[in-house]
């Protein structure tokens, strides 16, 4: 038997089996059951059709992690339209490009971000503008709740194929115009199945939305959490105190966060645990905040590998179980996990070395690390190559970019998506990312991993956050430079000197890998998911140079 794989099945299943159960804890304080969430999605679907939106049309969503985003996404997909979530941290010019590029016909924008759409509305093809608080928005916008009330629940759900597009997710555009990553019902569904299995999602889970829903559809959690009948706890941003409070008050069992989010939580925790007069002094209570409610907590992290010290604090101090996963917008995103429990004991300190690896491929996912000729590198955990991947969760194509699509799937090896990440592989086939192609530092002909340097610096007690990039050097072409957020929070009083940090890396790494320059900063530039934007640091550092040696 062959049954089409459609993303509409996730909400359909939740309504069928969990209709009376709580589905969403809203940022407004409201609570919705799956029956109520489903009805609101039906009404949004009906409203879109009344405004001329048809199967295949693109509808944008610009929203933090609120219940409106979930309702809009499912309403869009139920009529066969293409859900196009937007990164709310971008500029009006960015939105103008994306709305024009995708040919977006309608947009729902949260009141806090609608002002970024208002100045460009005459430049884009979009004709329907909906927000959740018209009183807070200038211009001619319709009210989301009034639109739902007027629409009724009857809409026409068209026949859909699993190979049709259902979402377009735009990349950050750090090396050119943003690219629209096209995903089908099939790829989204199979990715959600994989997430449900590897992240161990059950109907009794309480999921806290710290990861942006716009980011590859919240790593597929808008589908997986819904389809399993679990509970969504919504947020309007990432605040350490609010996260700990929500975990306790809502009995959260599962959340996601980039390493920078983990560091934010650790800083908050340690400030309140520190005795008066000690480093990290905060409340002076010397009593750490409670980190759990009634449920055990597990957390997934991705992005750059978290340092072992970070993992150790999350597991040993918070009492949370950490899963390190890996992927990219183009890959679903999740394609690997370090959660290989036959490879470590839960009470063994050696587990941290394994958990910081990107790990093993997800079910049905073929991960290879290949050299420039497309041959697999040795499984010696030393030979470096590029990660390429095949799997059912990989994107269909880039929207309107056939040449970029062709290159992404056929650069070194035909038929594999090329991630641009450089890694080694150990004897068990577990990968460990060494750097991005553009982040590898080539100093005097030697390749130096910025990630390895960052990991070493994280072990210094006066370092709260760090990013290492190649900086120009007359002698070596380029040399490692570290941008350090001190534990004190004050770059003018960092509690450690640059020379001391240079010596610290030299003492812990091969001498040629040592960081040569250090700049203390109050914060690092990050994306909405907490991923450090090294390209901003590189651009500023190389602004007066003809070119970057490593072309980063």
Protein backbone atom coordinates (compact mmCIF):
# COMPACT_ATOMS: atom_id res chain seq x y z
CA UNK A 1 0.00 0.00 0.00
CA UNK A 2 1.17 3.52 -0.75
CA UNK A 3 -0.36 6.36 1.26
CA UNK A 4 0.67 9.93 0.38
CA UNK A 5 2.85 11.59 3.00
CA UNK A 6 1.17 14.94 3.72
CA UNK A 7 1.99 17.41 6.50
CA UNK A 8 -1.73 17.98 7.08
CA UNK A 9 -1.80 14.50 8.64
CA UNK A 10 -0.02 15.76 11.76
CA UNK A 11 -2.78 18.08 12.94
CA UNK A 12 -5.45 15.69 11.66
CA UNK A 13 -4.05 12.95 13.89
CA UNK A 14 -3.82 15.21 16.93
CA UNK A 15 -7.44 16.30 16.51
CA UNK A 16 -8.57 12.72 16.04
CA UNK A 17 -6.91 11.32 19.16
CA UNK A 18 -6.15 14.31 21.41
CA UNK A 19 -8.94 16.76 20.62
CA UNK A 20 -9.78 17.49 24.26
CA UNK A 21 -6.16 17.61 25.41
CA UNK A 22 -4.21 20.82 25.83
CA UNK A 23 -2.24 21.61 22.69
CA UNK A 24 -0.86 25.10 23.15
CA UNK A 25 0.08 27.38 26.02
CA UNK A 26 0.00 30.80 24.35
CA UNK A 27 2.17 33.81 25.12
CA UNK A 28 -1.07 35.67 25.89
CA UNK A 29 -1.87 33.26 28.72
CA UNK A 30 -4.59 31.54 26.72
CA UNK A 31 -4.66 27.77 26.44
CA UNK A 32 -5.99 25.84 23.47
CA UNK A 33 -6.92 22.19 23.03
CA UNK A 34 -6.17 20.39 19.79
CA UNK A 35 -9.81 20.78 18.78
CA UNK A 36 -9.53 24.53 19.33
CA UNK A 37 -6.18 24.79 17.54
CA UNK A 38 -7.64 22.82 14.64
CA UNK A 39 -10.72 25.02 14.40
CA UNK A 40 -8.60 28.18 14.33
CA UNK A 41 -6.43 26.66 11.57
CA UNK A 42 -9.61 25.78 9.63
CA UNK A 43 -10.84 29.35 9.95
CA UNK A 44 -7.53 30.76 8.72
CA UNK A 45 -7.65 28.36 5.77
CA UNK A 46 -11.18 29.53 4.94
CA UNK A 47 -10.15 33.18 5.27
CA UNK A 48 -7.24 32.72 2.86
CA UNK A 49 -9.46 31.07 0.28
CA UNK A 50 -11.97 33.91 0.60
CA UNK A 51 -9.11 36.27 -0.27
CA UNK A 52 -8.25 34.36 -3.40
CA UNK A 53 -5.36 32.25 -2.13
CA UNK A 54 -5.16 28.98 -4.05
CA UNK A 55 -3.15 25.79 -4.01
CA UNK A 56 0.52 26.54 -4.75
CA UNK A 57 0.33 30.21 -3.76
CA UNK A 58 2.95 31.39 -1.28
CA UNK A 59 1.85 32.81 2.07
CA UNK A 60 4.43 34.36 4.40
CA UNK A 61 4.46 34.21 8.19
CA UNK A 62 6.50 36.74 10.18
CA UNK A 63 6.04 35.85 13.81
CA UNK A 64 7.90 34.89 16.97
CA UNK A 65 6.88 31.64 18.61
CA UNK A 66 3.20 32.34 19.22
CA UNK A 67 0.04 30.29 18.74
CA UNK A 68 -0.73 32.48 15.72
CA UNK A 69 2.27 31.03 13.89
CA UNK A 70 1.03 27.46 14.40
CA UNK A 71 -2.52 28.36 13.34
CA UNK A 72 -1.32 30.25 10.27
CA UNK A 73 1.09 27.49 9.20
CA UNK A 74 -1.52 24.74 9.33
CA UNK A 75 -4.19 26.98 7.80
CA UNK A 76 -1.85 27.69 4.87
CA UNK A 77 -0.91 24.06 4.36
CA UNK A 78 -4.49 22.78 4.61
CA UNK A 79 -5.41 24.61 1.39
CA UNK A 80 -2.29 23.39 -0.42
CA UNK A 81 -0.57 26.78 -0.27
CA UNK A 82 3.15 27.12 0.49
CA UNK A 83 4.09 28.16 4.02
CA UNK A 84 6.91 30.72 3.79
CA UNK A 85 8.18 31.65 7.27
CA UNK A 86 10.43 34.71 7.58
CA UNK A 87 13.23 35.52 10.00
CA UNK A 88 11.89 38.36 12.14
CA UNK A 89 15.38 39.76 12.76
CA UNK A 90 15.88 40.78 9.13
CA UNK A 91 15.44 44.24 7.59
CA UNK A 92 12.69 45.63 5.33
CA UNK A 93 15.05 45.31 2.37
CA UNK A 94 15.56 41.62 3.17
CA UNK A 95 11.80 41.09 3.36
CA UNK A 96 11.28 42.98 0.11
CA UNK A 97 13.69 40.61 -1.64
CA UNK A 98 12.09 37.46 -0.20
CA UNK A 99 8.48 38.48 -0.79
CA UNK A 100 9.32 39.43 -4.38
CA UNK A 101 11.50 36.37 -4.98
CA UNK A 102 8.84 33.93 -3.72
CA UNK A 103 5.95 35.86 -5.24
CA UNK A 104 4.16 35.94 -1.90
CA UNK A 105 0.43 36.69 -2.22
CA UNK A 106 -0.44 37.14 1.47
CA UNK A 107 1.37 37.72 4.74
CA UNK A 108 0.53 37.37 8.39
CA UNK A 109 2.91 39.50 10.49
CA UNK A 110 3.03 39.78 14.26
CA UNK A 111 2.34 43.31 15.54
CA UNK A 112 5.91 43.66 16.77
CA UNK A 113 7.33 43.15 13.27
CA UNK A 114 4.62 44.47 10.94
CA UNK A 115 6.36 47.86 10.87
CA UNK A 116 9.14 46.18 8.85
CA UNK A 117 6.63 45.23 6.16
CA UNK A 118 4.70 48.51 6.04
CA UNK A 119 7.38 50.55 4.19
CA UNK A 120 7.77 47.95 1.42
CA UNK A 121 4.17 46.89 0.84
CA UNK A 122 3.89 48.86 -2.40
CA UNK A 123 7.05 47.21 -3.76
CA UNK A 124 5.99 43.58 -3.35
CA UNK A 125 3.32 41.39 -5.01
CA UNK A 126 1.60 40.78 -1.66
CA UNK A 127 -2.03 41.94 -1.48
CA UNK A 128 -3.32 40.53 1.81
CA UNK A 129 -1.87 41.87 5.06
CA UNK A 130 -2.98 40.38 8.40
CA UNK A 131 -1.66 41.08 11.90
CA UNK A 132 -2.61 40.03 15.42
CA UNK A 133 -2.96 43.55 16.86
CA UNK A 134 -4.13 46.20 14.39
CA UNK A 135 -4.14 48.88 17.11
CA UNK A 136 -0.37 48.56 17.44
CA UNK A 137 0.35 48.68 13.71
CA UNK A 138 0.34 51.59 11.26
CA UNK A 139 -1.24 51.13 7.85
CA UNK A 140 -4.10 49.08 6.48
CA UNK A 141 -3.98 45.67 8.16
CA UNK A 142 -6.68 43.11 8.93
CA UNK A 143 -7.07 41.64 12.41
CA UNK A 144 -6.16 37.95 12.66
CA UNK A 145 -8.82 37.20 15.26
CA UNK A 146 -11.54 39.15 13.42
CA UNK A 147 -10.57 37.42 10.17
CA UNK A 148 -11.01 34.06 11.91
CA UNK A 149 -14.33 35.05 13.47
CA UNK A 150 -15.76 36.19 10.14
CA UNK A 151 -14.47 33.28 8.08
CA UNK A 152 -16.28 30.28 9.49
CA UNK A 153 -14.75 26.80 9.48
CA UNK A 154 -15.67 25.58 6.00
CA UNK A 155 -12.90 25.48 3.42
CA UNK A 156 -11.99 23.35 0.42
CA UNK A 157 -9.00 21.09 1.04
CA UNK A 158 -7.63 20.27 -2.42
CA UNK A 159 -6.11 16.98 -3.46
CA UNK A 160 -2.40 17.13 -2.69
CA UNK A 161 0.63 15.10 -3.71
CA UNK A 162 3.51 14.26 -1.40
CA UNK A 163 5.95 15.56 -4.02
CA UNK A 164 4.44 19.05 -4.12
CA UNK A 165 6.10 21.98 -2.35
CA UNK A 166 4.71 22.86 1.05
CA UNK A 167 7.33 25.19 2.54
CA UNK A 168 10.01 27.62 1.41
CA UNK A 169 12.59 28.45 4.08
CA UNK A 170 15.06 31.22 3.30
CA UNK A 171 18.72 30.90 4.24
CA UNK A 172 20.45 33.78 5.98
CA UNK A 173 22.15 35.06 2.85
CA UNK A 174 25.58 35.46 4.47
CA UNK A 175 27.38 34.90 1.15
CA UNK A 176 24.94 36.58 -1.25
CA UNK A 177 21.19 36.87 -1.70
CA UNK A 178 19.12 34.60 0.55
CA UNK A 179 18.16 31.32 -1.07
CA UNK A 180 14.69 29.82 -0.79
CA UNK A 181 15.01 26.21 0.33
CA UNK A 182 12.10 24.24 -1.15
CA UNK A 183 10.69 21.34 0.81
CA UNK A 184 7.91 18.95 -0.10
CA UNK A 185 5.19 17.24 1.91
CA UNK A 186 7.29 14.08 1.68
CA UNK A 187 10.56 15.57 2.90
CA UNK A 188 8.87 17.44 5.76
CA UNK A 189 6.92 14.36 6.83
CA UNK A 190 9.86 11.99 6.81
CA UNK A 191 12.03 14.52 8.64
CA UNK A 192 9.34 14.83 11.33
CA UNK A 193 9.24 11.05 11.66
CA UNK A 194 13.02 11.02 12.15
CA UNK A 195 12.85 13.83 14.72
CA UNK A 196 10.12 11.98 16.61
CA UNK A 197 12.27 8.85 16.78
CA UNK A 198 15.69 10.29 17.52
CA UNK A 199 14.44 13.02 19.86
CA UNK A 200 12.14 10.47 21.57
CA UNK A 201 9.03 12.63 21.33
CA UNK A 202 5.92 11.22 23.03
CA UNK A 203 2.38 12.41 23.64
CA UNK A 204 3.25 13.30 27.24
CA UNK A 205 6.03 15.69 26.20
CA UNK A 206 5.80 19.38 27.04
CA UNK A 207 7.88 21.26 24.47
CA UNK A 208 9.19 24.78 25.16
CA UNK A 209 9.58 26.90 22.04
CA UNK A 210 12.97 28.57 22.50
CA UNK A 211 13.97 27.68 18.93
CA UNK A 212 12.39 30.00 16.32
CA UNK A 213 9.47 28.41 14.50
CA UNK A 214 10.61 30.16 11.31
CA UNK A 215 13.95 28.30 11.38
CA UNK A 216 13.35 25.30 9.12
CA UNK A 217 9.87 25.08 10.65
CA UNK A 218 11.36 24.90 14.12
CA UNK A 219 13.60 21.98 13.14
CA UNK A 220 10.40 20.18 12.14
CA UNK A 221 8.86 20.46 15.60
CA UNK A 222 5.74 22.24 14.36
CA UNK A 223 4.97 18.84 12.81
CA UNK A 224 6.50 16.34 15.24
CA UNK A 225 5.14 17.83 18.48
CA UNK A 226 1.70 18.29 16.92
CA UNK A 227 1.51 14.87 15.31
CA UNK A 228 2.45 13.11 18.54
CA UNK A 229 -0.23 15.00 20.46
CA UNK A 230 2.31 16.66 22.77
CA UNK A 231 2.01 20.18 24.20
CA UNK A 232 3.49 23.38 22.74
CA UNK A 233 4.57 26.08 25.21
CA UNK A 234 5.02 29.29 23.21
CA UNK A 235 7.43 32.18 23.84
CA UNK A 236 8.15 35.60 22.34
CA UNK A 237 11.92 35.38 22.67
CA UNK A 238 14.79 33.84 24.57
CA UNK A 239 15.26 35.01 28.16
CA UNK A 240 17.14 32.78 30.60
CA UNK A 241 14.95 33.60 33.59
CA UNK A 242 11.76 33.06 31.61
CA UNK A 243 13.06 29.73 30.31
CA UNK A 244 13.79 28.38 33.78
CA UNK A 245 10.42 29.66 35.02
CA UNK A 246 8.54 28.04 32.14
CA UNK A 247 10.40 24.76 32.65
CA UNK A 248 9.31 24.73 36.29
CA UNK A 249 5.78 26.09 35.95
CA UNK A 250 4.75 24.13 32.83
CA UNK A 251 6.70 20.95 33.67
CA UNK A 252 8.63 21.24 30.41
CA UNK A 253 10.27 17.99 29.34
CA UNK A 254 11.97 19.01 26.10
CA UNK A 255 13.48 22.13 24.51
CA UNK A 256 16.12 23.12 21.99
CA UNK A 257 18.86 25.72 22.08
CA UNK A 258 22.08 26.68 20.30
CA UNK A 259 25.30 26.65 22.36
CA UNK A 260 24.94 30.41 22.88
CA UNK A 261 21.54 29.77 24.49
CA UNK A 262 23.13 27.14 26.73
CA UNK A 263 25.76 29.67 27.75
CA UNK A 264 23.04 32.21 28.54
CA UNK A 265 21.31 29.71 30.80
CA UNK A 266 24.58 28.74 32.47
CA UNK A 267 25.51 32.38 33.14
CA UNK A 268 22.08 33.02 34.67
CA UNK A 269 22.32 29.88 36.80
CA UNK A 270 25.85 30.53 38.03
CA UNK A 271 25.19 34.20 38.84
CA UNK A 272 22.43 33.15 41.22
CA UNK A 273 24.38 30.26 42.66
CA UNK A 274 27.50 32.28 43.46
CA UNK A 275 28.09 33.32 47.10
CA UNK A 276 28.39 37.03 47.79
CA UNK A 277 31.76 38.42 46.87
CA UNK A 278 32.55 35.53 44.52
CA UNK A 279 32.92 35.71 40.72
CA UNK A 280 29.54 35.59 39.03
CA UNK A 281 27.93 37.35 42.00
CA UNK A 282 24.26 38.01 41.27
CA UNK A 283 21.55 37.71 43.87
CA UNK A 284 24.09 36.70 46.48
CA UNK A 285 21.80 33.92 47.67
CA UNK A 286 24.36 31.17 46.96
CA UNK A 287 21.33 29.10 45.98
CA UNK A 288 20.99 27.90 42.41
CA UNK A 289 17.56 28.25 40.78
CA UNK A 290 15.43 25.14 40.33
CA UNK A 291 15.96 23.74 36.85
CA UNK A 292 13.08 21.27 36.54
CA UNK A 293 9.41 20.91 37.22
CA UNK A 294 7.67 17.54 37.56
CA UNK A 295 9.29 16.12 34.41
CA UNK A 296 12.82 15.13 33.55
CA UNK A 297 14.25 17.50 30.94
CA UNK A 298 16.17 16.80 27.77
CA UNK A 299 17.58 19.50 25.51
CA UNK A 300 18.77 19.36 21.92
CA UNK A 301 21.56 21.66 20.78
CA UNK A 302 23.04 22.30 17.36
CA UNK A 303 25.21 24.80 15.56
CA UNK A 304 28.84 24.89 16.58
CA UNK A 305 29.79 22.05 18.89
CA UNK A 306 29.22 22.94 22.55
CA UNK A 307 32.39 22.75 24.65
CA UNK A 308 32.67 19.83 27.04
CA UNK A 309 32.44 22.25 29.98
CA UNK A 310 29.06 23.46 28.71
CA UNK A 311 27.69 19.94 28.33
CA UNK A 312 29.00 19.03 31.77
CA UNK A 313 27.17 21.94 33.43
CA UNK A 314 23.90 21.27 31.61
CA UNK A 315 23.91 17.59 32.57
CA UNK A 316 25.59 17.57 35.98
CA UNK A 317 24.31 20.89 37.36
CA UNK A 318 20.95 21.35 35.62
CA UNK A 319 20.18 17.62 35.60
CA UNK A 320 19.11 17.79 31.95
CA UNK A 321 19.95 15.19 29.30
CA UNK A 322 21.68 16.79 26.31
CA UNK A 323 21.36 15.61 22.71
CA UNK A 324 23.75 17.17 20.22
CA UNK A 325 22.32 17.18 16.69
CA UNK A 326 23.50 18.64 13.40
CA UNK A 327 22.23 19.79 10.04
CA UNK A 328 21.45 22.78 7.81
CA UNK A 329 18.39 24.53 6.41
CA UNK A 330 18.87 22.54 3.22
CA UNK A 331 18.94 19.20 5.07
CA UNK A 332 15.69 19.36 6.92
CA UNK A 333 17.68 20.32 9.06
CA UNK A 334 18.57 17.36 11.28
CA UNK A 335 20.79 14.61 9.85
CA UNK A 336 23.02 13.42 12.72
CA UNK A 337 22.97 12.85 16.47
CA UNK A 338 25.60 12.23 19.13
CA UNK A 339 23.01 10.39 21.23
CA UNK A 340 24.64 6.97 20.74
CA UNK A 341 24.16 5.45 24.18
CA UNK A 342 25.95 2.19 23.44
CA UNK A 343 29.09 4.28 23.02
CA UNK A 344 29.09 5.84 26.51
CA UNK A 345 27.84 5.37 30.07
CA UNK A 346 25.57 8.05 31.53
CA UNK A 347 27.79 8.38 34.60
CA UNK A 348 31.09 8.31 32.72
CA UNK A 349 32.90 11.63 32.27
CA UNK A 350 34.15 10.36 28.89
CA UNK A 351 30.61 10.80 27.53
CA UNK A 352 31.22 14.52 27.07
CA UNK A 353 33.87 13.88 24.43
CA UNK A 354 31.33 11.83 22.46
CA UNK A 355 28.41 14.18 23.02
CA UNK A 356 30.28 17.14 21.59
CA UNK A 357 30.69 15.27 18.28
CA UNK A 358 28.05 15.74 15.60
CA UNK A 359 27.79 11.97 15.65
CA UNK A 360 26.00 9.34 13.62
CA UNK A 361 23.61 9.74 10.72
CA UNK A 362 19.87 9.67 11.37
CA UNK A 363 17.89 6.66 10.19
CA UNK A 364 17.81 6.45 6.40
CA UNK A 365 20.47 9.16 6.14
CA UNK A 366 23.78 8.58 4.36
CA UNK A 367 26.58 10.75 5.73
CA UNK A 368 29.98 10.80 4.03
CA UNK A 369 33.12 12.86 4.55
CA UNK A 370 34.98 13.21 1.27
CA UNK A 371 38.20 14.75 0.00
CA UNK A 372 38.46 17.15 -2.94
CA UNK A 373 38.29 14.23 -5.38
CA UNK A 374 35.08 12.91 -3.84
CA UNK A 375 36.72 9.94 -2.11
CA UNK A 376 35.86 9.02 1.48
CA UNK A 377 38.51 10.09 3.97
CA UNK A 378 40.03 7.54 6.32
CA UNK A 379 38.12 6.78 9.52
CA UNK A 380 41.12 7.85 11.59
CA UNK A 381 39.61 10.96 13.24
CA UNK A 382 42.41 12.99 11.67
CA UNK A 383 41.82 13.17 7.91
CA UNK A 384 39.63 16.15 7.04
CA UNK A 385 37.01 16.29 4.29
CA UNK A 386 33.67 17.89 3.46
CA UNK A 387 30.42 16.44 4.79
CA UNK A 388 28.03 15.37 2.04
CA UNK A 389 24.65 13.79 2.66
CA UNK A 390 21.79 11.90 1.02
CA UNK A 391 18.44 11.35 2.70
CA UNK A 392 14.70 11.71 2.31
CA UNK A 393 14.71 14.86 4.45
CA UNK A 394 17.02 16.80 2.12
CA UNK A 395 15.59 19.79 0.22
CA UNK A 396 14.08 19.51 -3.24
CA UNK A 397 15.86 22.56 -4.68
CA UNK A 398 16.57 26.25 -4.27
CA UNK A 399 13.64 28.39 -5.41
CA UNK A 400 14.41 29.95 -8.82
CA UNK A 401 18.12 29.11 -8.54
CA UNK A 402 18.89 26.11 -10.79
CA UNK A 403 22.64 26.78 -11.01
CA UNK A 404 23.04 26.98 -7.23
CA UNK A 405 20.95 23.82 -6.87
CA UNK A 406 23.15 21.97 -9.36
CA UNK A 407 26.34 23.01 -7.56
CA UNK A 408 24.96 22.15 -4.10
CA UNK A 409 24.21 18.56 -5.17
CA UNK A 410 27.16 17.83 -7.46
CA UNK A 411 30.29 19.74 -6.39
CA UNK A 412 32.53 16.89 -5.18
CA UNK A 413 30.13 13.94 -5.41
CA UNK A 414 27.14 13.64 -7.72
CA UNK A 415 23.73 13.37 -6.05
CA UNK A 416 24.76 14.44 -2.52
CA UNK A 417 24.03 17.72 -0.80
CA UNK A 418 27.34 19.43 0.02
CA UNK A 419 27.20 21.07 3.43
CA UNK A 420 30.38 23.17 3.30
CA UNK A 421 31.35 21.77 6.71
CA UNK A 422 34.75 20.13 7.16
CA UNK A 423 34.97 17.12 9.46
CA UNK A 424 36.83 14.01 10.53
CA UNK A 425 35.36 10.52 11.06
CA UNK A 426 36.29 8.08 13.83
CA UNK A 427 36.33 4.29 13.73
CA UNK A 428 32.63 4.15 14.63
CA UNK A 429 31.65 6.46 11.78
CA UNK A 430 30.94 9.37 14.14
CA UNK A 431 31.73 12.70 12.53
CA UNK A 432 33.31 15.68 14.25
CA UNK A 433 33.16 19.05 12.52
CA UNK A 434 36.49 20.84 12.39
CA UNK A 435 35.27 23.99 10.66
CA UNK A 436 33.29 25.55 7.87
CA UNK A 437 35.20 25.74 4.59
CA UNK A 438 35.30 29.51 5.01
CA UNK A 439 36.22 29.38 8.71
CA UNK A 440 39.30 27.18 8.44
CA UNK A 441 42.35 29.32 9.19
CA UNK A 442 45.29 28.85 6.82
CA UNK A 443 48.30 30.29 8.63
CA UNK A 444 51.71 29.83 7.05
CA UNK A 445 50.35 26.88 5.06
CA UNK A 446 48.97 25.12 8.16
CA UNK A 447 45.25 24.48 8.56
CA UNK A 448 43.95 25.58 11.97
CA UNK A 449 40.45 24.80 13.22
CA UNK A 450 38.68 27.82 14.69
CA UNK A 451 36.36 25.42 16.53
CA UNK A 452 39.28 23.69 18.24
CA UNK A 453 40.61 27.06 19.38
CA UNK A 454 37.19 28.18 20.63
CA UNK A 455 36.83 24.94 22.59
CA UNK A 456 40.20 25.52 24.25
CA UNK A 457 39.34 29.11 25.19
CA UNK A 458 35.97 28.06 26.62
CA UNK A 459 37.87 26.10 29.25
CA UNK A 460 39.28 29.32 30.69
CA UNK A 461 37.15 30.47 33.67
CA UNK A 462 37.19 34.12 32.57
CA UNK A 463 35.71 33.35 29.11
CA UNK A 464 31.94 33.44 28.75
CA UNK A 465 31.68 33.29 24.95
CA UNK A 466 34.15 33.34 22.08
CA UNK A 467 34.43 33.34 18.31
CA UNK A 468 37.70 32.74 16.45
CA UNK A 469 38.23 33.93 12.88
CA UNK A 470 41.17 34.34 10.49
CA UNK A 471 42.70 37.82 10.70
CA UNK A 472 45.13 39.32 8.17
CA UNK A 473 48.83 38.83 8.86
CA UNK A 474 51.73 40.18 6.77
CA UNK A 475 53.95 37.35 7.97
CA UNK A 476 51.58 34.37 7.78
CA UNK A 477 48.85 35.52 5.39
CA UNK A 478 46.27 35.06 8.10
CA UNK A 479 46.37 34.29 11.80
CA UNK A 480 43.83 33.24 14.46
CA UNK A 481 42.04 36.07 16.25
CA UNK A 482 39.61 35.54 19.15
CA UNK A 483 36.69 37.81 19.98
CA UNK A 484 36.06 37.11 23.66
CA UNK A 485 33.04 37.95 25.81
CA UNK A 486 34.53 37.95 29.32
CA UNK A 487 32.79 36.24 32.22
CA UNK A 488 32.71 39.64 33.94
CA UNK A 489 30.53 40.97 31.13
CA UNK A 490 32.75 44.06 30.90
CA UNK A 491 35.26 44.13 28.03
CA UNK A 492 37.11 46.96 29.79
CA UNK A 493 37.55 44.86 32.95
CA UNK A 494 37.75 41.29 31.58
CA UNK A 495 39.53 39.73 34.54
CA UNK A 496 42.22 38.29 32.24
CA UNK A 497 44.68 39.78 29.75
CA UNK A 498 44.95 39.04 26.07
CA UNK A 499 48.48 37.71 26.60
CA UNK A 500 47.22 35.32 29.28
CA UNK A 501 44.64 33.90 26.88
CA UNK A 502 47.26 33.54 24.14
CA UNK A 503 49.47 31.63 26.58
CA UNK A 504 46.50 29.54 27.69
CA UNK A 505 45.87 28.29 24.14
CA UNK A 506 49.58 27.68 23.60
CA UNK A 507 49.70 25.57 26.77
CA UNK A 508 46.74 23.46 25.67
CA UNK A 509 47.28 23.12 21.93
CA UNK A 510 50.11 22.68 19.46
CA UNK A 511 52.05 25.94 19.41
CA UNK A 512 51.22 26.74 15.77
CA UNK A 513 47.49 26.58 16.60
CA UNK A 514 47.64 29.15 19.39
CA UNK A 515 45.49 32.23 19.06
CA UNK A 516 47.66 35.25 18.23
CA UNK A 517 45.25 38.13 18.81
CA UNK A 518 42.44 38.72 21.31
CA UNK A 519 39.76 41.39 21.34
CA UNK A 520 37.35 41.68 24.27
CA UNK A 521 33.75 42.50 23.34
CA UNK A 522 30.46 42.91 25.19
CA UNK A 523 28.62 40.53 22.85
CA UNK A 524 28.95 38.57 19.64
CA UNK A 525 26.69 39.01 16.60
CA UNK A 526 24.20 36.14 16.41
CA UNK A 527 21.32 34.92 14.30
CA UNK A 528 17.82 34.53 15.74
CA UNK A 529 18.67 30.91 16.57
CA UNK A 530 21.71 31.99 18.58
CA UNK A 531 24.28 30.96 15.98
CA UNK A 532 27.30 33.28 15.93
CA UNK A 533 27.56 35.26 12.68
CA UNK A 534 31.26 34.98 12.06
CA UNK A 535 30.95 36.52 8.63
CA UNK A 536 30.23 39.90 10.26
CA UNK A 537 33.42 39.63 12.27
CA UNK A 538 35.38 38.54 9.19
CA UNK A 539 34.03 41.37 7.05
CA UNK A 540 35.03 43.98 9.62
CA UNK A 541 38.47 42.42 10.12
CA UNK A 542 39.27 42.17 6.40
CA UNK A 543 37.58 45.38 5.30
CA UNK A 544 40.79 47.06 4.17
CA UNK A 545 42.36 43.96 2.58
CA UNK A 546 42.16 43.03 -1.10
CA UNK A 547 40.95 39.53 -0.29
CA UNK A 548 40.82 36.98 2.50
CA UNK A 549 43.55 34.38 2.23
CA UNK A 550 41.14 31.55 2.98
CA UNK A 551 38.36 33.30 1.05
CA UNK A 552 36.12 33.21 4.12
